[in-house]
Structure formats: C-alpha cells, structure tokens
Amino acid sequence: MPTRRAELDHIGAFHFRVEISGVNAGHFKRVSGLSGEIEVIEFQDGDDLVLRKRPGPARFGDITLEKGYIATDDLFNWWRATRDGQYDRRDISVILNDNAGNEIRRWNLYGCWPRKWETGPLEGGSSEVFYENVTFVVEDLQIA
C-alpha cells in the first residue's frame, strides 16, 4: 500500500490566530471575507468592433471577525470611537498555523477600521455561546 506524504495533506482551516497592530487579539471562532478584486476598465477605440478590457484599481473585501464574547469591550470601543469620528486605522494579520502551531501563511490587512459591530441572538433556553462580530474595512492586503 503506498504511503501518503504529509506535505500533500490539505491544511485545516481551524488552526489560526489574529493579531491587531502586532498584538495577539484573542481567540476568534471565525474569520471571513478575505478577498481581493481587480476592477475591469472597458474601452473601445474609434471604429474598433471589439470591446477592449484592461485591469483597473484593486479593491479588497471587508473582513468579519467572530468571537465568543468575553468581559472586554476593546472591539466595541474601537467601533464606538469610529462612530464618534475618531477613527483609528490599524493593521490586522490573520495567521494560519499547522498542527504544531508553526506559521504557514499570513495575510496582512492594512488601514483597517471597524464599520459594523453586532452580537449573536440572546435566547432563553439556549446552550450556545454568546458571540460578537466586527466587520472591518480593508484598504490593502498582502500575503507574507
């Protein structure tokens, strides 16, 4: 029976951490929205019958961080300061680790600020963890 090499195994999406401004930001249940897109500029020259296309500016999707609520209001306070006109752009890193905890991939998100804050539902009789979600605007994204 052939032996499968470990480097061919898929990487689990469950072993990651988040840093905000270089500091471990706690434990998050989910990170979603890591994305980039390049706009398409369409043009046509004079009597050219073909619509030409070229790359335009890049845009990056908003990311959402979801975590179980703990007795700290750091993310809410950052959102509230932004609401009050005192926005503070920070850099966020999402780091994917292997099973031994070694860094495999790092997405560095630059110029981020919170645009949306929300909590999960409050429901009597539920046994689920209460959580909060914060959605951040991303100005630039690099893979390190």
Protein backbone atom coordinates (compact mmCIF):
# COMPACT_ATOMS: atom_id res chain seq x y z
CA MET A 1 0.00 0.00 0.00
CA PRO A 2 1.51 3.39 -0.97
CA THR A 3 2.28 5.85 1.79
CA ARG A 4 0.85 9.35 1.56
CA ARG A 5 3.35 12.16 2.12
CA ALA A 6 2.42 14.70 4.81
CA GLU A 7 3.18 17.69 2.55
CA LEU A 8 0.31 16.60 0.27
CA ASP A 9 -2.28 16.73 3.06
CA HIS A 10 -4.72 19.60 2.97
CA ILE A 11 -4.38 22.25 5.65
CA GLY A 12 -7.21 22.60 8.16
CA ALA A 13 -8.99 25.97 8.38
CA PHE A 14 -9.39 25.63 12.14
CA HIS A 15 -5.88 26.47 13.39
CA PHE A 16 -5.40 30.24 13.10
CA ARG A 17 -4.82 33.34 15.15
CA VAL A 18 -5.44 37.07 14.71
CA GLU A 19 -3.16 39.96 15.55
CA ILE A 20 -4.25 43.61 15.63
CA SER A 21 -1.38 46.10 15.42
CA GLY A 22 1.08 43.28 16.10
CA VAL A 23 -0.61 42.13 19.33
CA ASN A 24 -2.42 38.80 19.74
CA ALA A 25 -6.09 39.81 19.62
CA GLY A 26 -7.53 36.79 21.44
CA HIS A 27 -9.34 33.73 20.21
CA PHE A 28 -11.71 34.03 17.28
CA LYS A 29 -14.23 31.47 16.13
CA ARG A 30 -14.26 32.58 12.51
CA VAL A 31 -12.61 34.96 10.05
CA SER A 32 -14.46 35.52 6.80
CA GLY A 33 -14.20 37.80 3.80
CA LEU A 34 -10.50 37.64 2.94
CA SER A 35 -10.72 38.65 -0.70
CA GLY A 36 -9.32 40.91 -3.38
CA GLU A 37 -10.75 42.00 -6.69
CA ILE A 38 -9.42 43.98 -9.64
CA GLU A 39 -11.89 46.22 -11.42
CA VAL A 40 -12.18 45.91 -15.19
CA ILE A 41 -11.84 49.02 -17.35
CA GLU A 42 -13.60 48.62 -20.69
CA PHE A 43 -12.82 50.82 -23.69
CA GLN A 44 -13.24 50.92 -27.42
CA ASP A 45 -11.07 52.80 -29.93
CA GLY A 46 -12.89 54.66 -32.72
CA ASP A 47 -14.30 52.14 -35.19
CA ASP A 48 -12.91 49.11 -33.30
CA LEU A 49 -15.64 46.46 -33.18
CA VAL A 50 -14.04 44.74 -30.21
CA LEU A 51 -14.59 45.92 -26.64
CA ARG A 52 -11.16 46.01 -25.02
CA LYS A 53 -10.53 45.36 -21.35
CA ARG A 54 -7.68 46.16 -19.02
CA PRO A 55 -7.09 45.89 -15.29
CA GLY A 56 -8.18 48.79 -13.11
CA PRO A 57 -7.80 49.54 -9.41
CA ALA A 58 -7.79 46.78 -6.82
CA ARG A 59 -10.44 46.51 -4.11
CA PHE A 60 -10.38 44.38 -1.01
CA GLY A 61 -13.39 42.85 0.68
CA ASP A 62 -14.42 43.70 4.21
CA ILE A 63 -13.46 41.03 6.72
CA THR A 64 -15.57 39.84 9.63
CA LEU A 65 -14.10 38.54 12.86
CA GLU A 66 -16.38 36.45 15.06
CA LYS A 67 -15.51 35.56 18.64
CA GLY A 68 -17.14 34.35 21.77
CA TYR A 69 -17.95 37.31 23.99
CA ILE A 70 -15.68 37.83 26.97
CA ALA A 71 -15.79 40.63 29.51
CA THR A 72 -13.73 43.07 27.44
CA ASP A 73 -15.07 45.83 25.25
CA ASP A 74 -11.94 46.50 23.19
CA LEU A 75 -13.53 45.83 19.78
CA PHE A 76 -16.75 47.66 20.68
CA ASN A 77 -14.79 50.66 21.97
CA TRP A 78 -12.82 50.80 18.73
CA TRP A 79 -16.09 50.72 16.77
CA ARG A 80 -17.63 53.39 19.03
CA ALA A 81 -14.63 55.70 18.59
CA THR A 82 -15.03 55.32 14.81
CA ARG A 83 -18.74 56.14 15.09
CA ASP A 84 -17.84 59.27 17.05
CA GLY A 85 -15.50 60.46 14.30
CA GLN A 86 -12.23 59.42 15.92
CA TYR A 87 -11.40 56.59 13.60
CA ASP A 88 -8.15 54.78 14.14
CA ARG A 89 -6.77 52.75 11.25
CA ARG A 90 -4.94 49.64 12.40
CA ASP A 91 -3.27 46.70 10.71
CA ILE A 92 -4.73 43.22 11.19
CA SER A 93 -2.91 39.95 10.49
CA VAL A 94 -4.65 36.62 10.04
CA ILE A 95 -2.17 33.80 10.58
CA LEU A 96 -2.78 30.20 9.51
CA ASN A 97 -0.82 27.61 11.53
CA ASP A 98 -0.01 23.96 11.00
CA ASN A 99 -0.88 21.33 13.62
CA ALA A 100 2.34 22.04 15.52
CA GLY A 101 1.48 25.76 15.75
CA ASN A 102 4.02 26.89 13.16
CA GLU A 103 3.03 29.73 10.86
CA ILE A 104 2.17 28.61 7.34
CA ARG A 105 0.57 31.69 5.82
CA ARG A 106 -0.01 35.27 6.93
CA TRP A 107 -2.48 37.71 5.44
CA ASN A 108 -1.59 41.28 6.41
CA LEU A 109 -4.52 43.69 6.14
CA TYR A 110 -3.62 47.38 6.18
CA GLY A 111 -5.56 50.52 7.05
CA CYS A 112 -8.44 48.67 8.74
CA TRP A 113 -11.22 50.28 10.76
CA PRO A 114 -14.45 48.78 12.13
CA ARG A 115 -17.61 49.57 10.18
CA LYS A 116 -20.07 47.17 11.80
CA TRP A 117 -20.43 45.63 15.24
CA GLU A 118 -23.10 43.08 16.17
CA THR A 119 -23.80 40.31 18.63
CA GLY A 120 -25.43 36.94 18.30
CA PRO A 121 -29.00 36.40 19.43
CA LEU A 122 -29.99 36.29 23.08
CA GLU A 123 -32.30 33.34 23.51
CA GLY A 124 -33.72 31.83 26.68
CA GLY A 125 -33.10 28.12 26.98
CA SER A 126 -30.20 28.19 24.54
CA SER A 127 -26.92 26.50 25.34
CA GLU A 128 -24.94 28.39 22.69
CA VAL A 129 -22.10 30.77 23.43
CA PHE A 130 -22.87 34.48 23.15
CA TYR A 131 -20.68 35.98 20.42
CA GLU A 132 -19.83 39.27 18.78
CA ASN A 133 -18.96 40.04 15.17
CA VAL A 134 -16.97 43.01 13.99
CA THR A 135 -16.68 43.84 10.29
CA PHE A 136 -13.63 45.80 9.18
CA VAL A 137 -12.94 47.83 6.07
CA VAL A 138 -9.63 46.78 4.46
CA GLU A 139 -7.57 49.26 2.48
CA ASP A 140 -4.81 46.90 1.33
CA LEU A 141 -3.98 43.20 1.61
CA GLN A 142 -0.62 41.47 1.27
CA ILE A 143 0.35 37.83 1.73
CA ALA A 144 3.57 37.49 3.71
